[in-house]
Amino acid sequence: MPRGQLQPFLQRYCARCHGSDKQNGQVRFDTAAWEISNGDQAQHWQDVLDSLNAGNMPPEDEKQPTNEELIVVLDSM
């Protein structure tokens, strides 16, 4: 995973609901495995990519990334 671009994005837009205090959907990004070494980790990041692509995350009532930020992150995945 391209940690340099992805980690700040996840911290800004995802950690409030998927961090140390709260783990919605049992997803946590503050302890993310950046190396993909098995199928479960690959599936986890594919699910993240799918949610971002579909516009499901972040939810509408949370701070939203700009289109440019989203494009950069999606291109890096």
C-alpha atoms as a PDB file:
ATOM      1  CA  MET A   1       0.000   0.000   0.000  1.00  0.00           C
ATOM      2  CA  PRO A   2       1.268   3.513  -0.788  1.00  0.00           C
ATOM      3  CA  ARG A   3       1.365   4.658   2.813  1.00  0.00           C
ATOM      4  CA  GLY A   4       2.693   8.157   2.050  1.00  0.00           C
ATOM      5  CA  GLN A   5      -0.485   9.332   0.295  1.00  0.00           C
ATOM      6  CA  LEU A   6      -3.011   7.003   1.871  1.00  0.00           C
ATOM      7  CA  GLN A   7      -2.212   7.392   5.567  1.00  0.00           C
ATOM      8  CA  PRO A   8      -2.871  11.172   5.731  1.00  0.00           C
ATOM      9  CA  PHE A   9      -6.122  10.671   3.791  1.00  0.00           C
ATOM     10  CA  LEU A  10      -7.292   7.933   6.164  1.00  0.00           C
ATOM     11  CA  GLN A  11      -6.350  10.047   9.179  1.00  0.00           C
ATOM     12  CA  ARG A  12      -8.254  13.054   7.851  1.00  0.00           C
ATOM     13  CA  TYR A  13     -11.396  11.352   6.574  1.00  0.00           C
ATOM     14  CA  CYS A  14     -11.664   7.909   8.152  1.00  0.00           C
ATOM     15  CA  ALA A  15      -9.980   7.684  11.569  1.00  0.00           C
ATOM     16  CA  ARG A  16     -12.839   9.319  13.466  1.00  0.00           C
ATOM     17  CA  CYS A  17     -15.027   6.267  12.803  1.00  0.00           C
ATOM     18  CA  HIS A  18     -12.279   3.700  12.149  1.00  0.00           C
ATOM     19  CA  GLY A  19      -9.571   4.478  14.697  1.00  0.00           C
ATOM     20  CA  SER A  20      -8.532   3.757  18.255  1.00  0.00           C
ATOM     21  CA  ASP A  21     -11.705   5.138  19.867  1.00  0.00           C
ATOM     22  CA  LYS A  22     -14.259   3.729  17.463  1.00  0.00           C
ATOM     23  CA  GLN A  23     -14.145   0.862  14.966  1.00  0.00           C
ATOM     24  CA  ASN A  24     -17.312   0.993  12.861  1.00  0.00           C
ATOM     25  CA  GLY A  25     -17.773  -2.230  10.945  1.00  0.00           C
ATOM     26  CA  GLN A  26     -14.786  -3.657  12.832  1.00  0.00           C
ATOM     27  CA  VAL A  27     -12.516  -1.634  10.530  1.00  0.00           C
ATOM     28  CA  ARG A  28      -9.541   0.145  12.022  1.00  0.00           C
ATOM     29  CA  PHE A  29      -6.995   2.250  10.137  1.00  0.00           C
ATOM     30  CA  ASP A  30      -4.740   3.403  12.968  1.00  0.00           C
ATOM     31  CA  THR A  31      -3.244  -0.091  13.099  1.00  0.00           C
ATOM     32  CA  ALA A  32      -3.423  -0.812   9.360  1.00  0.00           C
ATOM     33  CA  ALA A  33      -1.165  -3.435   7.827  1.00  0.00           C
ATOM     34  CA  TRP A  34       0.518  -1.583   4.972  1.00  0.00           C
ATOM     35  CA  GLU A  35       2.165  -4.670   3.516  1.00  0.00           C
ATOM     36  CA  ILE A  36      -0.231  -6.991   1.721  1.00  0.00           C
ATOM     37  CA  SER A  37       1.001 -10.456   2.571  1.00  0.00           C
ATOM     38  CA  ASN A  38      -2.152 -12.555   2.443  1.00  0.00           C
ATOM     39  CA  GLY A  39      -5.605 -12.757   0.902  1.00  0.00           C
ATOM     40  CA  ASP A  40      -7.390 -11.284   3.922  1.00  0.00           C
ATOM     41  CA  GLN A  41      -5.278  -8.137   3.798  1.00  0.00           C
ATOM     42  CA  ALA A  42      -5.769  -7.846   0.047  1.00  0.00           C
ATOM     43  CA  GLN A  43      -9.525  -8.199   0.494  1.00  0.00           C
ATOM     44  CA  HIS A  44      -9.523  -5.554   3.248  1.00  0.00           C
ATOM     45  CA  TRP A  45      -7.882  -2.993   0.943  1.00  0.00           C
ATOM     46  CA  GLN A  46     -10.122  -4.008  -1.955  1.00  0.00           C
ATOM     47  CA  ASP A  47     -13.141  -3.334   0.279  1.00  0.00           C
ATOM     48  CA  VAL A  48     -11.720   0.099   1.151  1.00  0.00           C
ATOM     49  CA  LEU A  49     -11.191   0.846  -2.527  1.00  0.00           C
ATOM     50  CA  ASP A  50     -14.707  -0.328  -3.397  1.00  0.00           C
ATOM     51  CA  SER A  51     -16.269   1.836  -0.660  1.00  0.00           C
ATOM     52  CA  LEU A  52     -14.372   4.923  -1.787  1.00  0.00           C
ATOM     53  CA  ASN A  53     -15.156   4.306  -5.466  1.00  0.00           C
ATOM     54  CA  ALA A  54     -18.836   3.807  -4.725  1.00  0.00           C
ATOM     55  CA  GLY A  55     -18.993   7.003  -2.663  1.00  0.00           C
ATOM     56  CA  ASN A  56     -20.152   5.066   0.403  1.00  0.00           C
ATOM     57  CA  MET A  57     -17.298   6.347   2.524  1.00  0.00           C
ATOM     58  CA  PRO A  58     -16.931   8.715   4.113  1.00  0.00           C
ATOM     59  CA  PRO A  59     -20.633   8.877   4.954  1.00  0.00           C
ATOM     60  CA  GLU A  60     -22.541  11.985   3.867  1.00  0.00           C
ATOM     61  CA  ASP A  61     -22.662  13.449   7.384  1.00  0.00           C
ATOM     62  CA  GLU A  62     -18.849  13.403   7.714  1.00  0.00           C
ATOM     63  CA  LYS A  63     -16.153  15.658   6.264  1.00  0.00           C
ATOM     64  CA  GLN A  64     -15.752  14.868   2.554  1.00  0.00           C
ATOM     65  CA  PRO A  65     -12.574  14.802   0.494  1.00  0.00           C
ATOM     66  CA  THR A  66     -12.340  16.976  -2.570  1.00  0.00           C
ATOM     67  CA  ASN A  67     -12.575  15.222  -5.921  1.00  0.00           C
ATOM     68  CA  GLU A  68      -8.881  15.890  -6.441  1.00  0.00           C
ATOM     69  CA  GLU A  69      -7.926  14.288  -3.104  1.00  0.00           C
ATOM     70  CA  LEU A  70     -10.074  11.269  -3.861  1.00  0.00           C
ATOM     71  CA  ILE A  71      -8.606  10.857  -7.349  1.00  0.00           C
ATOM     72  CA  VAL A  72      -5.034  10.964  -6.010  1.00  0.00           C
ATOM     73  CA  VAL A  73      -5.788   8.353  -3.342  1.00  0.00           C
ATOM     74  CA  LEU A  74      -7.723   6.061  -5.668  1.00  0.00           C
ATOM     75  CA  ASP A  75      -4.983   6.276  -8.289  1.00  0.00           C
ATOM     76  CA  SER A  76      -2.397   5.347  -5.662  1.00  0.00           C
ATOM     77  CA  MET A  77      -4.256   2.206  -4.644  1.00  0.00           C
END
